[in-house]
mmCIF file of all heavy atoms, coordinates in Angstrom:
data_MODEL
# 
_entry.id   MODEL 
# 
loop_
_atom_site.group_PDB 
_atom_site.id 
_atom_site.type_symbol 
_atom_site.label_atom_id 
_atom_site.label_alt_id 
_atom_site.label_comp_id 
_atom_site.label_asym_id 
_atom_site.label_entity_id 
_atom_site.label_seq_id 
_atom_site.pdbx_PDB_ins_code 
_atom_site.Cartn_x 
_atom_site.Cartn_y 
_atom_site.Cartn_z 
_atom_site.occupancy 
_atom_site.B_iso_or_equiv 
_atom_site.pdbx_formal_charge 
_atom_site.auth_seq_id 
_atom_site.auth_comp_id 
_atom_site.auth_asym_id 
_atom_site.auth_atom_id 
_atom_site.pdbx_PDB_model_num 
ATOM 1   N N   . PRO A 1 1  ? -7.376 -1.011 11.900 1.00 0.00 ? 1  PRO A N   1 
ATOM 2   C CA  . PRO A 1 1  ? -6.869 -1.171 13.276 1.00 0.00 ? 1  PRO A CA  1 
ATOM 3   C C   . PRO A 1 1  ? -6.155 -2.506 13.493 1.00 0.00 ? 1  PRO A C   1 
ATOM 4   O O   . PRO A 1 1  ? -5.119 -2.561 14.161 1.00 0.00 ? 1  PRO A O   1 
ATOM 5   C CB  . PRO A 1 1  ? -8.129 -1.089 14.142 1.00 0.00 ? 1  PRO A CB  1 
ATOM 6   C CG  . PRO A 1 1  ? -9.144 -0.389 13.308 1.00 0.00 ? 1  PRO A CG  1 
ATOM 7   C CD  . PRO A 1 1  ? -8.819 -0.745 11.890 1.00 0.00 ? 1  PRO A CD  1 
ATOM 8   N N   . ALA A 1 2  ? -6.665 -3.569 12.884 1.00 0.00 ? 2  ALA A N   1 
ATOM 9   C CA  . ALA A 1 2  ? -6.014 -4.879 13.024 1.00 0.00 ? 2  ALA A CA  1 
ATOM 10  C C   . ALA A 1 2  ? -4.656 -4.868 12.336 1.00 0.00 ? 2  ALA A C   1 
ATOM 11  O O   . ALA A 1 2  ? -3.684 -5.439 12.844 1.00 0.00 ? 2  ALA A O   1 
ATOM 12  C CB  . ALA A 1 2  ? -6.901 -5.971 12.447 1.00 0.00 ? 2  ALA A CB  1 
ATOM 13  N N   . LEU A 1 3  ? -4.578 -4.207 11.206 1.00 0.00 ? 3  LEU A N   1 
ATOM 14  C CA  . LEU A 1 3  ? -3.315 -4.105 10.476 1.00 0.00 ? 3  LEU A CA  1 
ATOM 15  C C   . LEU A 1 3  ? -2.264 -3.394 11.319 1.00 0.00 ? 3  LEU A C   1 
ATOM 16  O O   . LEU A 1 3  ? -1.117 -3.846 11.414 1.00 0.00 ? 3  LEU A O   1 
ATOM 17  C CB  . LEU A 1 3  ? -3.540 -3.365 9.158  1.00 0.00 ? 3  LEU A CB  1 
ATOM 18  C CG  . LEU A 1 3  ? -2.359 -3.264 8.214  1.00 0.00 ? 3  LEU A CG  1 
ATOM 19  C CD1 . LEU A 1 3  ? -1.963 -4.645 7.707  1.00 0.00 ? 3  LEU A CD1 1 
ATOM 20  C CD2 . LEU A 1 3  ? -2.692 -2.358 7.047  1.00 0.00 ? 3  LEU A CD2 1 
ATOM 21  N N   . GLU A 1 4  ? -2.645 -2.291 11.940 1.00 0.00 ? 4  GLU A N   1 
ATOM 22  C CA  . GLU A 1 4  ? -1.707 -1.557 12.800 1.00 0.00 ? 4  GLU A CA  1 
ATOM 23  C C   . GLU A 1 4  ? -1.253 -2.416 13.982 1.00 0.00 ? 4  GLU A C   1 
ATOM 24  O O   . GLU A 1 4  ? -0.079 -2.397 14.350 1.00 0.00 ? 4  GLU A O   1 
ATOM 25  C CB  . GLU A 1 4  ? -2.344 -0.263 13.302 1.00 0.00 ? 4  GLU A CB  1 
ATOM 26  C CG  . GLU A 1 4  ? -2.392 0.832  12.269 1.00 0.00 ? 4  GLU A CG  1 
ATOM 27  C CD  . GLU A 1 4  ? -1.004 1.238  11.786 1.00 0.00 ? 4  GLU A CD  1 
ATOM 28  O OE1 . GLU A 1 4  ? -0.080 1.379  12.610 1.00 0.00 ? 4  GLU A OE1 1 
ATOM 29  O OE2 . GLU A 1 4  ? -0.854 1.424  10.570 1.00 0.00 ? 4  GLU A OE2 1 
ATOM 30  N N   . THR A 1 5  ? -2.154 -3.181 14.562 1.00 0.00 ? 5  THR A N   1 
ATOM 31  C CA  . THR A 1 5  ? -1.801 -4.063 15.679 1.00 0.00 ? 5  THR A CA  1 
ATOM 32  C C   . THR A 1 5  ? -0.822 -5.136 15.223 1.00 0.00 ? 5  THR A C   1 
ATOM 33  O O   . THR A 1 5  ? 0.172  -5.411 15.907 1.00 0.00 ? 5  THR A O   1 
ATOM 34  C CB  . THR A 1 5  ? -3.067 -4.725 16.266 1.00 0.00 ? 5  THR A CB  1 
ATOM 35  O OG1 . THR A 1 5  ? -3.942 -3.697 16.722 1.00 0.00 ? 5  THR A OG1 1 
ATOM 36  C CG2 . THR A 1 5  ? -2.723 -5.656 17.410 1.00 0.00 ? 5  THR A CG2 1 
ATOM 37  N N   . LEU A 1 6  ? -1.079 -5.734 14.068 1.00 0.00 ? 6  LEU A N   1 
ATOM 38  C CA  . LEU A 1 6  ? -0.190 -6.774 13.549 1.00 0.00 ? 6  LEU A CA  1 
ATOM 39  C C   . LEU A 1 6  ? 1.186  -6.225 13.194 1.00 0.00 ? 6  LEU A C   1 
ATOM 40  O O   . LEU A 1 6  ? 2.191  -6.928 13.340 1.00 0.00 ? 6  LEU A O   1 
ATOM 41  C CB  . LEU A 1 6  ? -0.827 -7.442 12.328 1.00 0.00 ? 6  LEU A CB  1 
ATOM 42  C CG  . LEU A 1 6  ? -2.050 -8.298 12.603 1.00 0.00 ? 6  LEU A CG  1 
ATOM 43  C CD1 . LEU A 1 6  ? -2.693 -8.738 11.292 1.00 0.00 ? 6  LEU A CD1 1 
ATOM 44  C CD2 . LEU A 1 6  ? -1.704 -9.495 13.462 1.00 0.00 ? 6  LEU A CD2 1 
ATOM 45  N N   . MET A 1 7  ? 1.227  -4.996 12.733 1.00 0.00 ? 7  MET A N   1 
ATOM 46  C CA  . MET A 1 7  ? 2.517  -4.390 12.366 1.00 0.00 ? 7  MET A CA  1 
ATOM 47  C C   . MET A 1 7  ? 3.456  -4.317 13.568 1.00 0.00 ? 7  MET A C   1 
ATOM 48  O O   . MET A 1 7  ? 4.676  -4.381 13.404 1.00 0.00 ? 7  MET A O   1 
ATOM 49  C CB  . MET A 1 7  ? 2.311  -2.985 11.785 1.00 0.00 ? 7  MET A CB  1 
ATOM 50  C CG  . MET A 1 7  ? 1.659  -2.964 10.418 1.00 0.00 ? 7  MET A CG  1 
ATOM 51  S SD  . MET A 1 7  ? 2.775  -3.411 9.093  1.00 0.00 ? 7  MET A SD  1 
ATOM 52  C CE  . MET A 1 7  ? 3.637  -1.870 8.857  1.00 0.00 ? 7  MET A CE  1 
ATOM 53  N N   . TRP A 1 8  ? 2.904  -4.189 14.767 1.00 0.00 ? 8  TRP A N   1 
ATOM 54  C CA  . TRP A 1 8  ? 3.750  -4.099 15.955 1.00 0.00 ? 8  TRP A CA  1 
ATOM 55  C C   . TRP A 1 8  ? 4.335  -5.447 16.360 1.00 0.00 ? 8  TRP A C   1 
ATOM 56  O O   . TRP A 1 8  ? 5.129  -5.523 17.292 1.00 0.00 ? 8  TRP A O   1 
ATOM 57  C CB  . TRP A 1 8  ? 2.980  -3.463 17.111 1.00 0.00 ? 8  TRP A CB  1 
ATOM 58  C CG  . TRP A 1 8  ? 2.839  -1.998 16.884 1.00 0.00 ? 8  TRP A CG  1 
ATOM 59  C CD1 . TRP A 1 8  ? 1.746  -1.331 16.424 1.00 0.00 ? 8  TRP A CD1 1 
ATOM 60  C CD2 . TRP A 1 8  ? 3.856  -1.001 17.065 1.00 0.00 ? 8  TRP A CD2 1 
ATOM 61  N NE1 . TRP A 1 8  ? 2.007  0.011  16.297 1.00 0.00 ? 8  TRP A NE1 1 
ATOM 62  C CE2 . TRP A 1 8  ? 3.303  0.239  16.695 1.00 0.00 ? 8  TRP A CE2 1 
ATOM 63  C CE3 . TRP A 1 8  ? 5.178  -1.045 17.499 1.00 0.00 ? 8  TRP A CE3 1 
ATOM 64  C CZ2 . TRP A 1 8  ? 4.035  1.424  16.743 1.00 0.00 ? 8  TRP A CZ2 1 
ATOM 65  C CZ3 . TRP A 1 8  ? 5.891  0.142  17.542 1.00 0.00 ? 8  TRP A CZ3 1 
ATOM 66  C CH2 . TRP A 1 8  ? 5.315  1.354  17.176 1.00 0.00 ? 8  TRP A CH2 1 
ATOM 67  N N   . ARG A 1 9  ? 3.980  -6.516 15.656 1.00 0.00 ? 9  ARG A N   1 
ATOM 68  C CA  . ARG A 1 9  ? 4.524  -7.853 15.922 1.00 0.00 ? 9  ARG A CA  1 
ATOM 69  C C   . ARG A 1 9  ? 5.812  -8.112 15.163 1.00 0.00 ? 9  ARG A C   1 
ATOM 70  O O   . ARG A 1 9  ? 6.427  -9.166 15.326 1.00 0.00 ? 9  ARG A O   1 
ATOM 71  C CB  . ARG A 1 9  ? 3.502  -8.930 15.553 1.00 0.00 ? 9  ARG A CB  1 
ATOM 72  C CG  . ARG A 1 9  ? 2.201  -8.834 16.286 1.00 0.00 ? 9  ARG A CG  1 
ATOM 73  C CD  . ARG A 1 9  ? 2.366  -9.338 17.664 1.00 0.00 ? 9  ARG A CD  1 
ATOM 74  N NE  . ARG A 1 9  ? 1.076  -9.345 18.344 1.00 0.00 ? 9  ARG A NE  1 
ATOM 75  C CZ  . ARG A 1 9  ? 0.961  -9.569 19.614 1.00 0.00 ? 9  ARG A CZ  1 
ATOM 76  N NH1 . ARG A 1 9  ? 2.034  -9.811 20.337 1.00 0.00 ? 9  ARG A NH1 1 
ATOM 77  N NH2 . ARG A 1 9  ? -0.211 -9.557 20.177 1.00 0.00 ? 9  ARG A NH2 1 
ATOM 78  N N   . ILE A 1 10 ? 6.209  -7.165 14.313 1.00 0.00 ? 10 ILE A N   1 
ATOM 79  C CA  . ILE A 1 10 ? 7.441  -7.339 13.536 1.00 0.00 ? 10 ILE A CA  1 
ATOM 80  C C   . ILE A 1 10 ? 8.421  -6.232 13.905 1.00 0.00 ? 10 ILE A C   1 
ATOM 81  O O   . ILE A 1 10 ? 8.023  -5.195 14.434 1.00 0.00 ? 10 ILE A O   1 
ATOM 82  C CB  . ILE A 1 10 ? 7.149  -7.352 12.022 1.00 0.00 ? 10 ILE A CB  1 
ATOM 83  C CG1 . ILE A 1 10 ? 6.546  -6.035 11.547 1.00 0.00 ? 10 ILE A CG1 1 
ATOM 84  C CG2 . ILE A 1 10 ? 6.233  -8.519 11.647 1.00 0.00 ? 10 ILE A CG2 1 
ATOM 85  C CD1 . ILE A 1 10 ? 6.371  -5.936 10.046 1.00 0.00 ? 10 ILE A CD1 1 
ATOM 86  N N   . PRO A 1 11 ? 9.704  -6.437 13.643 1.00 0.00 ? 11 PRO A N   1 
ATOM 87  C CA  . PRO A 1 11 ? 10.714 -5.429 13.999 1.00 0.00 ? 11 PRO A CA  1 
ATOM 88  C C   . PRO A 1 11 ? 10.484 -4.091 13.295 1.00 0.00 ? 11 PRO A C   1 
ATOM 89  O O   . PRO A 1 11 ? 9.914  -4.026 12.205 1.00 0.00 ? 11 PRO A O   1 
ATOM 90  C CB  . PRO A 1 11 ? 12.025 -6.055 13.532 1.00 0.00 ? 11 PRO A CB  1 
ATOM 91  C CG  . PRO A 1 11 ? 11.753 -7.504 13.420 1.00 0.00 ? 11 PRO A CG  1 
ATOM 92  C CD  . PRO A 1 11 ? 10.312 -7.636 13.073 1.00 0.00 ? 11 PRO A CD  1 
ATOM 93  N N   . GLN A 1 12 ? 10.952 -3.037 13.921 1.00 0.00 ? 12 GLN A N   1 
ATOM 94  C CA  . GLN A 1 12 ? 10.758 -1.676 13.422 1.00 0.00 ? 12 GLN A CA  1 
ATOM 95  C C   . GLN A 1 12 ? 11.287 -1.504 11.998 1.00 0.00 ? 12 GLN A C   1 
ATOM 96  O O   . GLN A 1 12 ? 10.638 -0.884 11.153 1.00 0.00 ? 12 GLN A O   1 
ATOM 97  C CB  . GLN A 1 12 ? 11.422 -0.663 14.343 1.00 0.00 ? 12 GLN A CB  1 
ATOM 98  C CG  . GLN A 1 12 ? 11.227 0.768  13.879 1.00 0.00 ? 12 GLN A CG  1 
ATOM 99  C CD  . GLN A 1 12 ? 11.869 1.772  14.808 1.00 0.00 ? 12 GLN A CD  1 
ATOM 100 O OE1 . GLN A 1 12 ? 12.332 1.431  15.878 1.00 0.00 ? 12 GLN A OE1 1 
ATOM 101 N NE2 . GLN A 1 12 ? 11.888 3.014  14.398 1.00 0.00 ? 12 GLN A NE2 1 
ATOM 102 N N   . GLN A 1 13 ? 12.454 -2.034 11.720 1.00 0.00 ? 13 GLN A N   1 
ATOM 103 C CA  . GLN A 1 13 ? 13.051 -1.893 10.384 1.00 0.00 ? 13 GLN A CA  1 
ATOM 104 C C   . GLN A 1 13 ? 12.129 -2.495 9.319  1.00 0.00 ? 13 GLN A C   1 
ATOM 105 O O   . GLN A 1 13 ? 11.928 -1.918 8.258  1.00 0.00 ? 13 GLN A O   1 
ATOM 106 C CB  . GLN A 1 13 ? 14.416 -2.564 10.353 1.00 0.00 ? 13 GLN A CB  1 
ATOM 107 C CG  . GLN A 1 13 ? 15.138 -2.418 9.045  1.00 0.00 ? 13 GLN A CG  1 
ATOM 108 C CD  . GLN A 1 13 ? 16.501 -3.068 9.082  1.00 0.00 ? 13 GLN A CD  1 
ATOM 109 O OE1 . GLN A 1 13 ? 16.835 -3.819 9.995  1.00 0.00 ? 13 GLN A OE1 1 
ATOM 110 N NE2 . GLN A 1 13 ? 17.300 -2.807 8.072  1.00 0.00 ? 13 GLN A NE2 1 
ATOM 111 N N   . LYS A 1 14 ? 11.547 -3.645 9.616  1.00 0.00 ? 14 LYS A N   1 
ATOM 112 C CA  . LYS A 1 14 ? 10.629 -4.290 8.680  1.00 0.00 ? 14 LYS A CA  1 
ATOM 113 C C   . LYS A 1 14 ? 9.341  -3.483 8.550  1.00 0.00 ? 14 LYS A C   1 
ATOM 114 O O   . LYS A 1 14 ? 8.805  -3.329 7.448  1.00 0.00 ? 14 LYS A O   1 
ATOM 115 C CB  . LYS A 1 14 ? 10.331 -5.704 9.176  1.00 0.00 ? 14 LYS A CB  1 
ATOM 116 C CG  . LYS A 1 14 ? 9.544  -6.530 8.228  1.00 0.00 ? 14 LYS A CG  1 
ATOM 117 C CD  . LYS A 1 14 ? 10.401 -6.994 7.083  1.00 0.00 ? 14 LYS A CD  1 
ATOM 118 C CE  . LYS A 1 14 ? 9.827  -8.244 6.482  1.00 0.00 ? 14 LYS A CE  1 
ATOM 119 N NZ  . LYS A 1 14 ? 10.700 -8.833 5.520  1.00 0.00 ? 14 LYS A NZ  1 
ATOM 120 N N   . ARG A 1 15 ? 8.847  -2.928 9.662  1.00 0.00 ? 15 ARG A N   1 
ATOM 121 C CA  . ARG A 1 15 ? 7.639  -2.081 9.622  1.00 0.00 ? 15 ARG A CA  1 
ATOM 122 C C   . ARG A 1 15 ? 7.859  -0.887 8.709  1.00 0.00 ? 15 ARG A C   1 
ATOM 123 O O   . ARG A 1 15 ? 7.002  -0.545 7.896  1.00 0.00 ? 15 ARG A O   1 
ATOM 124 C CB  . ARG A 1 15 ? 7.285  -1.572 11.021 1.00 0.00 ? 15 ARG A CB  1 
ATOM 125 C CG  . ARG A 1 15 ? 6.531  -2.532 11.865 1.00 0.00 ? 15 ARG A CG  1 
ATOM 126 C CD  . ARG A 1 15 ? 5.901  -1.862 13.069 1.00 0.00 ? 15 ARG A CD  1 
ATOM 127 N NE  . ARG A 1 15 ? 6.756  -1.016 13.858 1.00 0.00 ? 15 ARG A NE  1 
ATOM 128 C CZ  . ARG A 1 15 ? 7.470  -1.413 14.907 1.00 0.00 ? 15 ARG A CZ  1 
ATOM 129 N NH1 . ARG A 1 15 ? 7.442  -2.667 15.302 1.00 0.00 ? 15 ARG A NH1 1 
ATOM 130 N NH2 . ARG A 1 15 ? 8.194  -0.559 15.579 1.00 0.00 ? 15 ARG A NH2 1 
ATOM 131 N N   . GLU A 1 16 ? 9.005  -0.245 8.854  1.00 0.00 ? 16 GLU A N   1 
ATOM 132 C CA  . GLU A 1 16 ? 9.311  0.930  8.038  1.00 0.00 ? 16 GLU A CA  1 
ATOM 133 C C   . GLU A 1 16 ? 9.367  0.578  6.556  1.00 0.00 ? 16 GLU A C   1 
ATOM 134 O O   . GLU A 1 16 ? 8.892  1.330  5.710  1.00 0.00 ? 16 GLU A O   1 
ATOM 135 C CB  . GLU A 1 16 ? 10.621 1.561  8.496  1.00 0.00 ? 16 GLU A CB  1 
ATOM 136 C CG  . GLU A 1 16 ? 10.511 2.211  9.857  1.00 0.00 ? 16 GLU A CG  1 
ATOM 137 C CD  . GLU A 1 16 ? 11.842 2.649  10.431 1.00 0.00 ? 16 GLU A CD  1 
ATOM 138 O OE1 . GLU A 1 16 ? 12.884 2.488  9.738  1.00 0.00 ? 16 GLU A OE1 1 
ATOM 139 O OE2 . GLU A 1 16 ? 11.851 3.133  11.570 1.00 0.00 ? 16 GLU A OE2 1 
ATOM 140 N N   . ARG A 1 17 ? 9.931  -0.580 6.234  1.00 0.00 ? 17 ARG A N   1 
ATOM 141 C CA  . ARG A 1 17 ? 9.996  -1.022 4.835  1.00 0.00 ? 17 ARG A CA  1 
ATOM 142 C C   . ARG A 1 17 ? 8.592  -1.280 4.294  1.00 0.00 ? 17 ARG A C   1 
ATOM 143 O O   . ARG A 1 17 ? 8.256  -0.860 3.186  1.00 0.00 ? 17 ARG A O   1 
ATOM 144 C CB  . ARG A 1 17 ? 10.847 -2.284 4.711  1.00 0.00 ? 17 ARG A CB  1 
ATOM 145 C CG  . ARG A 1 17 ? 11.116 -2.668 3.271  1.00 0.00 ? 17 ARG A CG  1 
ATOM 146 C CD  . ARG A 1 17 ? 12.005 -3.882 3.160  1.00 0.00 ? 17 ARG A CD  1 
ATOM 147 N NE  . ARG A 1 17 ? 11.325 -5.119 3.463  1.00 0.00 ? 17 ARG A NE  1 
ATOM 148 C CZ  . ARG A 1 17 ? 10.475 -5.747 2.638  1.00 0.00 ? 17 ARG A CZ  1 
ATOM 149 N NH1 . ARG A 1 17 ? 10.193 -5.226 1.476  1.00 0.00 ? 17 ARG A NH1 1 
ATOM 150 N NH2 . ARG A 1 17 ? 9.914  -6.873 2.978  1.00 0.00 ? 17 ARG A NH2 1 
ATOM 151 N N   . LEU A 1 18 ? 7.754  -1.934 5.094  1.00 0.00 ? 18 LEU A N   1 
ATOM 152 C CA  . LEU A 1 18 ? 6.396  -2.236 4.639  1.00 0.00 ? 18 LEU A CA  1 
ATOM 153 C C   . LEU A 1 18 ? 5.564  -0.964 4.451  1.00 0.00 ? 18 LEU A C   1 
ATOM 154 O O   . LEU A 1 18 ? 4.742  -0.885 3.542  1.00 0.00 ? 18 LEU A O   1 
ATOM 155 C CB  . LEU A 1 18 ? 5.692  -3.172 5.618  1.00 0.00 ? 18 LEU A CB  1 
ATOM 156 C CG  . LEU A 1 18 ? 6.206  -4.607 5.685  1.00 0.00 ? 18 LEU A CG  1 
ATOM 157 C CD1 . LEU A 1 18 ? 5.396  -5.417 6.695  1.00 0.00 ? 18 LEU A CD1 1 
ATOM 158 C CD2 . LEU A 1 18 ? 6.195  -5.277 4.343  1.00 0.00 ? 18 LEU A CD2 1 
ATOM 159 N N   . LYS A 1 19 ? 5.766  0.025  5.285  1.00 0.00 ? 19 LYS A N   1 
ATOM 160 C CA  . LYS A 1 19 ? 4.995  1.266  5.184  1.00 0.00 ? 19 LYS A CA  1 
ATOM 161 C C   . LYS A 1 19 ? 5.317  2.043  3.911  1.00 0.00 ? 19 LYS A C   1 
ATOM 162 O O   . LYS A 1 19 ? 4.550  2.914  3.510  1.00 0.00 ? 19 LYS A O   1 
ATOM 163 C CB  . LYS A 1 19 ? 5.220  2.142  6.412  1.00 0.00 ? 19 LYS A CB  1 
ATOM 164 C CG  . LYS A 1 19 ? 4.509  1.609  7.635  1.00 0.00 ? 19 LYS A CG  1 
ATOM 165 C CD  . LYS A 1 19 ? 4.721  2.498  8.831  1.00 0.00 ? 19 LYS A CD  1 
ATOM 166 C CE  . LYS A 1 19 ? 3.988  1.943  10.040 1.00 0.00 ? 19 LYS A CE  1 
ATOM 167 N NZ  . LYS A 1 19 ? 4.167  2.793  11.218 1.00 0.00 ? 19 LYS A NZ  1 
ATOM 168 N N   . ARG A 1 20 ? 6.425  1.715  3.255  1.00 0.00 ? 20 ARG A N   1 
ATOM 169 C CA  . ARG A 1 20 ? 6.782  2.385  2.004  1.00 0.00 ? 20 ARG A CA  1 
ATOM 170 C C   . ARG A 1 20 ? 6.053  1.782  0.799  1.00 0.00 ? 20 ARG A C   1 
ATOM 171 O O   . ARG A 1 20 ? 6.090  2.347  -0.286 1.00 0.00 ? 20 ARG A O   1 
ATOM 172 C CB  . ARG A 1 20 ? 8.289  2.325  1.786  1.00 0.00 ? 20 ARG A CB  1 
ATOM 173 C CG  . ARG A 1 20 ? 9.069  3.193  2.769  1.00 0.00 ? 20 ARG A CG  1 
ATOM 174 C CD  . ARG A 1 20 ? 10.498 3.386  2.332  1.00 0.00 ? 20 ARG A CD  1 
ATOM 175 N NE  . ARG A 1 20 ? 11.205 2.151  2.067  1.00 0.00 ? 20 ARG A NE  1 
ATOM 176 C CZ  . ARG A 1 20 ? 12.088 1.573  2.895  1.00 0.00 ? 20 ARG A CZ  1 
ATOM 177 N NH1 . ARG A 1 20 ? 12.365 2.144  4.056  1.00 0.00 ? 20 ARG A NH1 1 
ATOM 178 N NH2 . ARG A 1 20 ? 12.683 0.459  2.562  1.00 0.00 ? 20 ARG A NH2 1 
ATOM 179 N N   . PHE A 1 21 ? 5.393  0.643  0.994  1.00 0.00 ? 21 PHE A N   1 
ATOM 180 C CA  . PHE A 1 21 ? 4.657  0.015  -0.106 1.00 0.00 ? 21 PHE A CA  1 
ATOM 181 C C   . PHE A 1 21 ? 3.557  0.954  -0.579 1.00 0.00 ? 21 PHE A C   1 
ATOM 182 O O   . PHE A 1 21 ? 2.883  1.577  0.218  1.00 0.00 ? 21 PHE A O   1 
ATOM 183 C CB  . PHE A 1 21 ? 4.042  -1.308 0.338  1.00 0.00 ? 21 PHE A CB  1 
ATOM 184 C CG  . PHE A 1 21 ? 5.013  -2.463 0.424  1.00 0.00 ? 21 PHE A CG  1 
ATOM 185 C CD1 . PHE A 1 21 ? 6.359  -2.262 0.610  1.00 0.00 ? 21 PHE A CD1 1 
ATOM 186 C CD2 . PHE A 1 21 ? 4.557  -3.758 0.335  1.00 0.00 ? 21 PHE A CD2 1 
ATOM 187 C CE1 . PHE A 1 21 ? 7.242  -3.318 0.704  1.00 0.00 ? 21 PHE A CE1 1 
ATOM 188 C CE2 . PHE A 1 21 ? 5.422  -4.829 0.424  1.00 0.00 ? 21 PHE A CE2 1 
ATOM 189 C CZ  . PHE A 1 21 ? 6.766  -4.609 0.601  1.00 0.00 ? 21 PHE A CZ  1 
ATOM 190 N N   . LYS A 1 22 ? 3.363  1.021  -1.864 1.00 0.00 ? 22 LYS A N   1 
ATOM 191 C CA  . LYS A 1 22 ? 2.335  1.894  -2.423 1.00 0.00 ? 22 LYS A CA  1 
ATOM 192 C C   . LYS A 1 22 ? 0.951  1.241  -2.377 1.00 0.00 ? 22 LYS A C   1 
ATOM 193 O O   . LYS A 1 22 ? -0.044 1.915  -2.171 1.00 0.00 ? 22 LYS A O   1 
ATOM 194 C CB  . LYS A 1 22 ? 2.693  2.267  -3.858 1.00 0.00 ? 22 LYS A CB  1 
ATOM 195 C CG  . LYS A 1 22 ? 3.996  3.052  -3.929 1.00 0.00 ? 22 LYS A CG  1 
ATOM 196 C CD  . LYS A 1 22 ? 4.113  3.806  -5.204 1.00 0.00 ? 22 LYS A CD  1 
ATOM 197 C CE  . LYS A 1 22 ? 5.431  4.512  -5.379 1.00 0.00 ? 22 LYS A CE  1 
ATOM 198 N NZ  . LYS A 1 22 ? 5.929  5.259  -4.317 1.00 0.00 ? 22 LYS A NZ  1 
ATOM 199 N N   . ARG A 1 23 ? 0.892  -0.044 -2.576 1.00 0.00 ? 23 ARG A N   1 
ATOM 200 C CA  . ARG A 1 23 ? -0.387 -0.766 -2.566 1.00 0.00 ? 23 ARG A CA  1 
ATOM 201 C C   . ARG A 1 23 ? -0.626 -1.424 -1.216 1.00 0.00 ? 23 ARG A C   1 
ATOM 202 O O   . ARG A 1 23 ? 0.237  -2.130 -0.692 1.00 0.00 ? 23 ARG A O   1 
ATOM 203 C CB  . ARG A 1 23 ? -0.392 -1.841 -3.654 1.00 0.00 ? 23 ARG A CB  1 
ATOM 204 C CG  . ARG A 1 23 ? -0.402 -1.249 -5.055 1.00 0.00 ? 23 ARG A CG  1 
ATOM 205 C CD  . ARG A 1 23 ? -0.509 -2.296 -6.154 1.00 0.00 ? 23 ARG A CD  1 
ATOM 206 N NE  . ARG A 1 23 ? -1.296 -3.444 -5.783 1.00 0.00 ? 23 ARG A NE  1 
ATOM 207 C CZ  . ARG A 1 23 ? -0.906 -4.713 -5.951 1.00 0.00 ? 23 ARG A CZ  1 
ATOM 208 N NH1 . ARG A 1 23 ? 0.261  -4.983 -6.469 1.00 0.00 ? 23 ARG A NH1 1 
ATOM 209 N NH2 . ARG A 1 23 ? -1.675 -5.706 -5.591 1.00 0.00 ? 23 ARG A NH2 1 
ATOM 210 N N   . VAL A 1 24 ? -1.795 -1.227 -0.658 1.00 0.00 ? 24 VAL A N   1 
ATOM 211 C CA  . VAL A 1 24 ? -2.150 -1.801 0.638  1.00 0.00 ? 24 VAL A CA  1 
ATOM 212 C C   . VAL A 1 24 ? -2.126 -3.324 0.566  1.00 0.00 ? 24 VAL A C   1 
ATOM 213 O O   . VAL A 1 24 ? -1.689 -3.993 1.504  1.00 0.00 ? 24 VAL A O   1 
ATOM 214 C CB  . VAL A 1 24 ? -3.536 -1.305 1.105  1.00 0.00 ? 24 VAL A CB  1 
ATOM 215 C CG1 . VAL A 1 24 ? -3.983 -2.010 2.367  1.00 0.00 ? 24 VAL A CG1 1 
ATOM 216 C CG2 . VAL A 1 24 ? -3.525 0.192  1.307  1.00 0.00 ? 24 VAL A CG2 1 
ATOM 217 N N   . GLU A 1 25 ? -2.554 -3.878 -0.567 1.00 0.00 ? 25 GLU A N   1 
ATOM 218 C CA  . GLU A 1 25 ? -2.566 -5.337 -0.716 1.00 0.00 ? 25 GLU A CA  1 
ATOM 219 C C   . GLU A 1 25 ? -1.162 -5.912 -0.616 1.00 0.00 ? 25 GLU A C   1 
ATOM 220 O O   . GLU A 1 25 ? -0.955 -6.957 -0.005 1.00 0.00 ? 25 GLU A O   1 
ATOM 221 C CB  . GLU A 1 25 ? -3.204 -5.750 -2.056 1.00 0.00 ? 25 GLU A CB  1 
ATOM 222 C CG  . GLU A 1 25 ? -4.674 -5.463 -2.144 1.00 0.00 ? 25 GLU A CG  1 
ATOM 223 C CD  . GLU A 1 25 ? -4.976 -4.059 -2.648 1.00 0.00 ? 25 GLU A CD  1 
ATOM 224 O OE1 . GLU A 1 25 ? -4.027 -3.317 -3.024 1.00 0.00 ? 25 GLU A OE1 1 
ATOM 225 O OE2 . GLU A 1 25 ? -6.160 -3.691 -2.655 1.00 0.00 ? 25 GLU A OE2 1 
# 
């Protein structure tokens, strides 16, 4: 839940790029 909250602090384009990462770390 904290990760999802923090993701909303960055622009959408960057969020989409990060969500494509295979490793959570």
